[in-house]
C-alpha cells in the first residue's frame, strides 16, 4: 500500500500547483498571508497529534443497509477477529496478511503506535462488527509520491469481513457512508482517495458505485492500482 514509479498527472483539476509557503500554510491550517482559513482550527491545535480530526468521535451514519459506525481498533479486543478475516482467501489475495495472529497484530500495531496518520477501525453495522477500515492521510502517506496529492487528502482502505455481506451492495453503501463521514468531519479535506488493486474488480466497482471516480492507474510497489477519487464538490452529484 506504499508506492513506486510516479504516473503522468491525471487530466483535469487533480494537479496541485501551490507555492511552498502556501503548501506549508495549508498543512498547518493557516493562510499564507497570516491568520487562519475560515472554519480551520488554530495551528497550535493541529500539533496535538490528531491528524484525522478525532475519528473516534465521528457520528454514526444511516445507510440503506443499516446504521453504520466506525470504531477505532483496540488491539487486545479486536486482533483475533481481524486475523480471522485476513486469513479468508478472498481477503488474503489482496491484503497479503494471512498467517498467524501476530502478522495482523504487527500490521495494526504499526498504525496504533505511529504518528496518527492512519487510524485502523472496525466497521459496525447495526452494532455488529462486519468490516475493517483504515482511514489515513493520503497526503502524508508514501502514496502521495505517486499522484498529485492535495493537503488533507484522506484515504480509505476497506475489507468486508463476512462472506454474506459481500456482493450485495453493502460495500458500496459503506464506502459512500465513510466518504461522507470524512467530508463531514474533516472540513479541510477536499477529496477522499483510494487505491484498490486494479485486478480487484468487485472493489473497483464498489468505489465507482459509491460516488468515486476513476482518475488513473498507478504503479505501486506491491500492485497496479486504480486511483479512485471522491470530490467534495461532486459529492451530491455522483
C-alpha atoms as a PDB file:
ATOM      1  CA  UNK A   1       0.000   0.000   0.000  1.00  0.00           C
ATOM      2  CA  UNK A   2       3.017   2.149  -0.423  1.00  0.00           C
ATOM      3  CA  UNK A   3       4.089   3.491  -3.825  1.00  0.00           C
ATOM      4  CA  UNK A   4       6.954   3.252  -6.914  1.00  0.00           C
ATOM      5  CA  UNK A   5       7.112   4.988 -10.248  1.00  0.00           C
ATOM      6  CA  UNK A   6       5.093   8.223 -10.437  1.00  0.00           C
ATOM      7  CA  UNK A   7       2.455   8.195 -13.171  1.00  0.00           C
ATOM      8  CA  UNK A   8       1.783  11.100 -15.502  1.00  0.00           C
ATOM      9  CA  UNK A   9      -0.551  13.585 -13.876  1.00  0.00           C
ATOM     10  CA  UNK A  10      -4.174  12.628 -14.488  1.00  0.00           C
ATOM     11  CA  UNK A  11      -6.131  15.100 -16.622  1.00  0.00           C
ATOM     12  CA  UNK A  12      -8.408  17.710 -15.134  1.00  0.00           C
ATOM     13  CA  UNK A  13      -8.113  19.547 -11.856  1.00  0.00           C
ATOM     14  CA  UNK A  14      -6.132  16.886  -9.970  1.00  0.00           C
ATOM     15  CA  UNK A  15      -2.844  18.744 -10.492  1.00  0.00           C
ATOM     16  CA  UNK A  16      -1.729  20.695  -7.442  1.00  0.00           C
ATOM     17  CA  UNK A  17       0.045  23.974  -8.174  1.00  0.00           C
ATOM     18  CA  UNK A  18       0.930  25.627  -4.877  1.00  0.00           C
ATOM     19  CA  UNK A  19       3.955  27.629  -3.773  1.00  0.00           C
ATOM     20  CA  UNK A  20       5.899  26.007  -0.938  1.00  0.00           C
ATOM     21  CA  UNK A  21       4.766  28.651   1.556  1.00  0.00           C
ATOM     22  CA  UNK A  22       1.125  28.042   0.594  1.00  0.00           C
ATOM     23  CA  UNK A  23       1.541  24.287   0.999  1.00  0.00           C
ATOM     24  CA  UNK A  24       3.097  24.659   4.453  1.00  0.00           C
ATOM     25  CA  UNK A  25       0.361  27.074   5.486  1.00  0.00           C
ATOM     26  CA  UNK A  26      -2.368  24.709   4.341  1.00  0.00           C
ATOM     27  CA  UNK A  27      -0.792  21.765   6.159  1.00  0.00           C
ATOM     28  CA  UNK A  28      -0.665  23.879   9.315  1.00  0.00           C
ATOM     29  CA  UNK A  29      -4.258  25.028   8.876  1.00  0.00           C
ATOM     30  CA  UNK A  30      -3.330  28.634   8.274  1.00  0.00           C
ATOM     31  CA  UNK A  31      -3.335  31.127   5.417  1.00  0.00           C
ATOM     32  CA  UNK A  32      -0.076  32.099   3.651  1.00  0.00           C
ATOM     33  CA  UNK A  33      -0.696  35.786   4.351  1.00  0.00           C
ATOM     34  CA  UNK A  34      -1.288  35.117   8.050  1.00  0.00           C
ATOM     35  CA  UNK A  35      -4.341  34.243  10.118  1.00  0.00           C
ATOM     36  CA  UNK A  36      -6.425  31.127   9.519  1.00  0.00           C
ATOM     37  CA  UNK A  37      -8.797  29.906   6.881  1.00  0.00           C
ATOM     38  CA  UNK A  38     -12.435  30.186   7.872  1.00  0.00           C
ATOM     39  CA  UNK A  39     -13.511  27.123   9.848  1.00  0.00           C
ATOM     40  CA  UNK A  40      -9.946  25.896  10.438  1.00  0.00           C
ATOM     41  CA  UNK A  41      -8.565  25.190  13.862  1.00  0.00           C
ATOM     42  CA  UNK A  42      -5.582  27.233  15.076  1.00  0.00           C
ATOM     43  CA  UNK A  43      -2.179  25.830  14.086  1.00  0.00           C
ATOM     44  CA  UNK A  44      -1.310  25.112  17.734  1.00  0.00           C
ATOM     45  CA  UNK A  45      -4.353  22.846  17.983  1.00  0.00           C
ATOM     46  CA  UNK A  46      -3.205  20.963  14.882  1.00  0.00           C
ATOM     47  CA  UNK A  47       0.025  19.991  16.628  1.00  0.00           C
ATOM     48  CA  UNK A  48      -1.728  17.792  19.184  1.00  0.00           C
ATOM     49  CA  UNK A  49      -1.091  14.642  17.148  1.00  0.00           C
ATOM     50  CA  UNK A  50      -4.660  14.280  15.883  1.00  0.00           C
ATOM     51  CA  UNK A  51      -4.122  14.266  12.143  1.00  0.00           C
ATOM     52  CA  UNK A  52      -7.577  12.894  11.280  1.00  0.00           C
ATOM     53  CA  UNK A  53      -9.956  15.059  13.300  1.00  0.00           C
ATOM     54  CA  UNK A  54     -10.920  12.575  16.017  1.00  0.00           C
ATOM     55  CA  UNK A  55     -12.257   9.591  14.085  1.00  0.00           C
ATOM     56  CA  UNK A  56     -13.459   8.081  17.379  1.00  0.00           C
ATOM     57  CA  UNK A  57     -15.945  10.941  17.802  1.00  0.00           C
ATOM     58  CA  UNK A  58     -17.490  10.732  14.335  1.00  0.00           C
ATOM     59  CA  UNK A  59     -21.256  10.282  14.268  1.00  0.00           C
ATOM     60  CA  UNK A  60     -22.959   7.071  13.131  1.00  0.00           C
ATOM     61  CA  UNK A  61     -24.277   7.079   9.565  1.00  0.00           C
ATOM     62  CA  UNK A  62     -27.685   5.844   8.469  1.00  0.00           C
ATOM     63  CA  UNK A  63     -27.257   3.784   5.288  1.00  0.00           C
ATOM     64  CA  UNK A  64     -29.609   1.714   3.090  1.00  0.00           C
ATOM     65  CA  UNK A  65     -28.206  -1.420   4.763  1.00  0.00           C
ATOM     66  CA  UNK A  66     -28.380  -0.270   8.393  1.00  0.00           C
ATOM     67  CA  UNK A  67     -26.785   2.096  10.889  1.00  0.00           C
ATOM     68  CA  UNK A  68     -23.035   2.190  10.435  1.00  0.00           C
ATOM     69  CA  UNK A  69     -20.299   3.362  12.792  1.00  0.00           C
ATOM     70  CA  UNK A  70     -16.502   3.469  12.712  1.00  0.00           C
ATOM     71  CA  UNK A  71     -14.874   2.330  15.960  1.00  0.00           C
ATOM     72  CA  UNK A  72     -11.074   2.629  16.270  1.00  0.00           C
ATOM     73  CA  UNK A  73      -9.403  -0.747  16.770  1.00  0.00           C
ATOM     74  CA  UNK A  74      -8.210  -1.897  20.192  1.00  0.00           C
ATOM     75  CA  UNK A  75      -5.501  -4.482  19.658  1.00  0.00           C
ATOM     76  CA  UNK A  76      -6.292  -6.865  22.520  1.00  0.00           C
ATOM     77  CA  UNK A  77     -10.037  -6.785  21.838  1.00  0.00           C
ATOM     78  CA  UNK A  78     -10.025  -6.980  18.037  1.00  0.00           C
ATOM     79  CA  UNK A  79      -6.924  -8.766  16.772  1.00  0.00           C
ATOM     80  CA  UNK A  80      -8.430 -12.276  16.762  1.00  0.00           C
ATOM     81  CA  UNK A  81     -11.456 -11.194  14.745  1.00  0.00           C
ATOM     82  CA  UNK A  82      -9.333  -9.266  12.247  1.00  0.00           C
ATOM     83  CA  UNK A  83      -6.785 -12.075  11.901  1.00  0.00           C
ATOM     84  CA  UNK A  84      -9.643 -14.419  11.028  1.00  0.00           C
ATOM     85  CA  UNK A  85     -10.780 -12.068   8.274  1.00  0.00           C
ATOM     86  CA  UNK A  86      -7.217 -11.682   6.962  1.00  0.00           C
ATOM     87  CA  UNK A  87      -6.999 -15.457   6.556  1.00  0.00           C
ATOM     88  CA  UNK A  88     -10.076 -15.609   4.331  1.00  0.00           C
ATOM     89  CA  UNK A  89      -8.610 -16.445   0.885  1.00  0.00           C
ATOM     90  CA  UNK A  90     -10.653 -13.712  -0.824  1.00  0.00           C
ATOM     91  CA  UNK A  91      -9.192 -11.123   1.565  1.00  0.00           C
ATOM     92  CA  UNK A  92      -5.679 -12.566   1.713  1.00  0.00           C
ATOM     93  CA  UNK A  93      -5.333 -12.363  -2.077  1.00  0.00           C
ATOM     94  CA  UNK A  94      -5.221  -8.566  -1.856  1.00  0.00           C
ATOM     95  CA  UNK A  95      -4.270  -7.702   1.745  1.00  0.00           C
ATOM     96  CA  UNK A  96      -1.458 -10.288   1.971  1.00  0.00           C
ATOM     97  CA  UNK A  97      -1.726 -10.505   5.770  1.00  0.00           C
ATOM     98  CA  UNK A  98      -2.666 -14.160   6.158  1.00  0.00           C
ATOM     99  CA  UNK A  99      -0.873 -16.325   8.691  1.00  0.00           C
ATOM    100  CA  UNK A 100      -0.682 -16.343  12.480  1.00  0.00           C
ATOM    101  CA  UNK A 101      -2.397 -13.683  14.567  1.00  0.00           C
ATOM    102  CA  UNK A 102       0.967 -11.979  15.096  1.00  0.00           C
ATOM    103  CA  UNK A 103       1.018 -10.922  11.429  1.00  0.00           C
ATOM    104  CA  UNK A 104      -2.209  -8.966  11.816  1.00  0.00           C
ATOM    105  CA  UNK A 105      -1.099  -7.647  15.213  1.00  0.00           C
ATOM    106  CA  UNK A 106       2.096  -6.237  13.712  1.00  0.00           C
ATOM    107  CA  UNK A 107       0.137  -4.510  10.933  1.00  0.00           C
ATOM    108  CA  UNK A 108      -2.236  -2.932  13.450  1.00  0.00           C
ATOM    109  CA  UNK A 109       0.479  -2.012  15.944  1.00  0.00           C
ATOM    110  CA  UNK A 110       2.395  -0.046  13.298  1.00  0.00           C
ATOM    111  CA  UNK A 111      -0.634   2.231  12.964  1.00  0.00           C
ATOM    112  CA  UNK A 112      -1.690   2.343  16.602  1.00  0.00           C
ATOM    113  CA  UNK A 113       1.825   3.238  17.763  1.00  0.00           C
ATOM    114  CA  UNK A 114       2.558   5.522  14.815  1.00  0.00           C
ATOM    115  CA  UNK A 115       2.124   9.258  14.431  1.00  0.00           C
ATOM    116  CA  UNK A 116      -1.630   9.158  13.840  1.00  0.00           C
ATOM    117  CA  UNK A 117      -1.605   9.444  10.069  1.00  0.00           C
ATOM    118  CA  UNK A 118      -3.583   6.164   9.802  1.00  0.00           C
ATOM    119  CA  UNK A 119      -6.411   5.027  12.082  1.00  0.00           C
ATOM    120  CA  UNK A 120      -7.490   1.355  11.861  1.00  0.00           C
ATOM    121  CA  UNK A 121     -11.199   0.930  12.565  1.00  0.00           C
ATOM    122  CA  UNK A 122     -13.837  -1.750  12.876  1.00  0.00           C
ATOM    123  CA  UNK A 123     -16.935  -1.028  10.827  1.00  0.00           C
ATOM    124  CA  UNK A 124     -20.061  -1.828  12.854  1.00  0.00           C
ATOM    125  CA  UNK A 125     -23.356  -2.326  11.045  1.00  0.00           C
ATOM    126  CA  UNK A 126     -26.314  -2.237  13.441  1.00  0.00           C
ATOM    127  CA  UNK A 127     -23.747  -2.660  16.262  1.00  0.00           C
ATOM    128  CA  UNK A 128     -22.195  -5.818  14.737  1.00  0.00           C
ATOM    129  CA  UNK A 129     -18.524  -5.736  13.629  1.00  0.00           C
ATOM    130  CA  UNK A 130     -18.516  -6.742   9.945  1.00  0.00           C
ATOM    131  CA  UNK A 131     -15.811  -4.743   8.185  1.00  0.00           C
ATOM    132  CA  UNK A 132     -12.384  -3.200   8.633  1.00  0.00           C
ATOM    133  CA  UNK A 133     -11.371   0.279   7.501  1.00  0.00           C
ATOM    134  CA  UNK A 134      -8.135   2.218   7.543  1.00  0.00           C
ATOM    135  CA  UNK A 135      -8.680   5.968   7.405  1.00  0.00           C
ATOM    136  CA  UNK A 136      -5.386   7.607   6.536  1.00  0.00           C
ATOM    137  CA  UNK A 137      -3.811  10.898   5.486  1.00  0.00           C
ATOM    138  CA  UNK A 138      -3.041  10.198   1.830  1.00  0.00           C
ATOM    139  CA  UNK A 139      -1.108  13.460   1.548  1.00  0.00           C
ATOM    140  CA  UNK A 140       1.268  12.276   4.304  1.00  0.00           C
ATOM    141  CA  UNK A 141       1.498   8.703   3.010  1.00  0.00           C
ATOM    142  CA  UNK A 142       4.071   7.322   0.530  1.00  0.00           C
ATOM    143  CA  UNK A 143       1.115   7.164  -1.886  1.00  0.00           C
ATOM    144  CA  UNK A 144       1.481  10.942  -2.290  1.00  0.00           C
ATOM    145  CA  UNK A 145       4.642  10.364  -4.364  1.00  0.00           C
ATOM    146  CA  UNK A 146       2.523   8.663  -6.996  1.00  0.00           C
ATOM    147  CA  UNK A 147      -0.269  11.114  -7.678  1.00  0.00           C
ATOM    148  CA  UNK A 148      -0.708  14.915  -7.430  1.00  0.00           C
ATOM    149  CA  UNK A 149      -1.783  14.962  -3.782  1.00  0.00           C
ATOM    150  CA  UNK A 150      -3.510  17.909  -2.162  1.00  0.00           C
ATOM    151  CA  UNK A 151      -3.204  18.904   1.509  1.00  0.00           C
ATOM    152  CA  UNK A 152      -5.571  16.904   3.714  1.00  0.00           C
ATOM    153  CA  UNK A 153      -6.421  14.297   1.058  1.00  0.00           C
ATOM    154  CA  UNK A 154      -7.845  11.405   3.079  1.00  0.00           C
ATOM    155  CA  UNK A 155      -7.544   7.779   2.028  1.00  0.00           C
ATOM    156  CA  UNK A 156      -9.676   4.688   2.653  1.00  0.00           C
ATOM    157  CA  UNK A 157      -8.741   1.007   2.768  1.00  0.00           C
ATOM    158  CA  UNK A 158     -11.618  -1.438   3.229  1.00  0.00           C
ATOM    159  CA  UNK A 159     -12.348  -5.114   3.663  1.00  0.00           C
ATOM    160  CA  UNK A 160     -15.719  -6.754   4.240  1.00  0.00           C
ATOM    161  CA  UNK A 161     -15.290  -9.493   6.831  1.00  0.00           C
ATOM    162  CA  UNK A 162     -18.334 -11.689   6.370  1.00  0.00           C
ATOM    163  CA  UNK A 163     -18.976 -13.587   3.144  1.00  0.00           C
ATOM    164  CA  UNK A 164     -22.714 -12.919   3.482  1.00  0.00           C
ATOM    165  CA  UNK A 165     -22.069  -9.158   3.315  1.00  0.00           C
ATOM    166  CA  UNK A 166     -20.206  -9.367   0.001  1.00  0.00           C
ATOM    167  CA  UNK A 167     -21.640  -8.955  -3.465  1.00  0.00           C
ATOM    168  CA  UNK A 168     -24.991  -7.429  -2.489  1.00  0.00           C
ATOM    169  CA  UNK A 169     -24.223  -3.706  -2.415  1.00  0.00           C
ATOM    170  CA  UNK A 170     -23.076  -3.488   1.208  1.00  0.00           C
ATOM    171  CA  UNK A 171     -19.553  -2.376   0.263  1.00  0.00           C
ATOM    172  CA  UNK A 172     -20.923   0.354  -1.998  1.00  0.00           C
ATOM    173  CA  UNK A 173     -23.200   1.672   0.761  1.00  0.00           C
ATOM    174  CA  UNK A 174     -20.395   1.679   3.327  1.00  0.00           C
ATOM    175  CA  UNK A 175     -17.881   3.368   1.019  1.00  0.00           C
ATOM    176  CA  UNK A 176     -20.340   6.168   0.307  1.00  0.00           C
ATOM    177  CA  UNK A 177     -21.122   6.487   4.028  1.00  0.00           C
ATOM    178  CA  UNK A 178     -17.470   6.578   5.092  1.00  0.00           C
ATOM    179  CA  UNK A 179     -16.538   9.090   2.383  1.00  0.00           C
ATOM    180  CA  UNK A 180     -19.408  11.289   3.598  1.00  0.00           C
ATOM    181  CA  UNK A 181     -18.211  10.924   7.202  1.00  0.00           C
ATOM    182  CA  UNK A 182     -14.732  12.051   6.154  1.00  0.00           C
ATOM    183  CA  UNK A 183     -16.069  15.071   4.269  1.00  0.00           C
ATOM    184  CA  UNK A 184     -18.485  15.978   7.086  1.00  0.00           C
ATOM    185  CA  UNK A 185     -15.885  15.770   9.867  1.00  0.00           C
ATOM    186  CA  UNK A 186     -12.754  16.941   8.004  1.00  0.00           C
ATOM    187  CA  UNK A 187     -13.666  20.370   6.595  1.00  0.00           C
ATOM    188  CA  UNK A 188     -10.164  20.910   5.172  1.00  0.00           C
ATOM    189  CA  UNK A 189     -10.325  17.694   3.145  1.00  0.00           C
ATOM    190  CA  UNK A 190     -11.481  18.330  -0.425  1.00  0.00           C
ATOM    191  CA  UNK A 191     -11.056  14.758  -1.699  1.00  0.00           C
ATOM    192  CA  UNK A 192     -11.314  11.201  -0.427  1.00  0.00           C
ATOM    193  CA  UNK A 193      -8.998   8.826  -2.294  1.00  0.00           C
ATOM    194  CA  UNK A 194      -8.481   5.082  -2.587  1.00  0.00           C
ATOM    195  CA  UNK A 195      -6.115   2.777  -4.477  1.00  0.00           C
ATOM    196  CA  UNK A 196      -7.666  -0.692  -4.855  1.00  0.00           C
ATOM    197  CA  UNK A 197      -5.777  -3.313  -6.827  1.00  0.00           C
ATOM    198  CA  UNK A 198      -6.786  -2.955 -10.477  1.00  0.00           C
ATOM    199  CA  UNK A 199      -7.432  -6.728 -10.552  1.00  0.00           C
ATOM    200  CA  UNK A 200      -9.968  -6.456  -7.735  1.00  0.00           C
ATOM    201  CA  UNK A 201     -12.897  -5.634  -9.988  1.00  0.00           C
ATOM    202  CA  UNK A 202     -15.598  -6.008  -7.278  1.00  0.00           C
ATOM    203  CA  UNK A 203     -13.750  -3.431  -5.161  1.00  0.00           C
ATOM    204  CA  UNK A 204     -13.254  -1.003  -8.059  1.00  0.00           C
ATOM    205  CA  UNK A 205     -16.924  -1.371  -8.961  1.00  0.00           C
ATOM    206  CA  UNK A 206     -17.975  -0.694  -5.353  1.00  0.00           C
ATOM    207  CA  UNK A 207     -15.960   2.532  -5.315  1.00  0.00           C
ATOM    208  CA  UNK A 208     -17.473   3.664  -8.624  1.00  0.00           C
ATOM    209  CA  UNK A 209     -20.991   2.929  -7.389  1.00  0.00           C
ATOM    210  CA  UNK A 210     -20.159   4.648  -4.097  1.00  0.00           C
ATOM    211  CA  UNK A 211     -19.574   8.042  -5.718  1.00  0.00           C
ATOM    212  CA  UNK A 212     -15.856   7.787  -6.530  1.00  0.00           C
ATOM    213  CA  UNK A 213     -14.486   8.488  -9.994  1.00  0.00           C
ATOM    214  CA  UNK A 214     -11.670   6.608 -11.678  1.00  0.00           C
ATOM    215  CA  UNK A 215      -8.726   9.042 -12.004  1.00  0.00           C
ATOM    216  CA  UNK A 216      -5.738   6.976 -13.171  1.00  0.00           C
ATOM    217  CA  UNK A 217      -3.803   3.737 -12.892  1.00  0.00           C
ATOM    218  CA  UNK A 218      -0.737   3.935 -10.652  1.00  0.00           C
ATOM    219  CA  UNK A 219       2.178   1.539 -10.202  1.00  0.00           C
ATOM    220  CA  UNK A 220       2.785   0.862  -6.506  1.00  0.00           C
ATOM    221  CA  UNK A 221       5.497  -1.498  -5.211  1.00  0.00           C
ATOM    222  CA  UNK A 222       3.011  -4.257  -4.403  1.00  0.00           C
ATOM    223  CA  UNK A 223       0.343  -3.745  -7.071  1.00  0.00           C
ATOM    224  CA  UNK A 224      -1.006  -1.824 -10.020  1.00  0.00           C
ATOM    225  CA  UNK A 225      -3.795   0.245  -8.522  1.00  0.00           C
ATOM    226  CA  UNK A 226      -6.845   2.148  -9.674  1.00  0.00           C
ATOM    227  CA  UNK A 227      -6.706   5.654  -8.228  1.00  0.00           C
ATOM    228  CA  UNK A 228     -10.261   6.441  -7.135  1.00  0.00           C
ATOM    229  CA  UNK A 229     -11.298   9.924  -6.013  1.00  0.00           C
ATOM    230  CA  UNK A 230     -14.446  11.282  -4.420  1.00  0.00           C
ATOM    231  CA  UNK A 231     -14.510  15.064  -4.702  1.00  0.00           C
ATOM    232  CA  UNK A 232     -16.234  17.236  -2.127  1.00  0.00           C
ATOM    233  CA  UNK A 233     -17.534  19.421  -4.969  1.00  0.00           C
ATOM    234  CA  UNK A 234     -19.200  16.421  -6.640  1.00  0.00           C
ATOM    235  CA  UNK A 235     -20.419  14.543  -3.574  1.00  0.00           C
ATOM    236  CA  UNK A 236     -24.088  15.311  -4.228  1.00  0.00           C
ATOM    237  CA  UNK A 237     -23.804  14.622  -7.966  1.00  0.00           C
ATOM    238  CA  UNK A 238     -22.077  11.220  -8.097  1.00  0.00           C
END
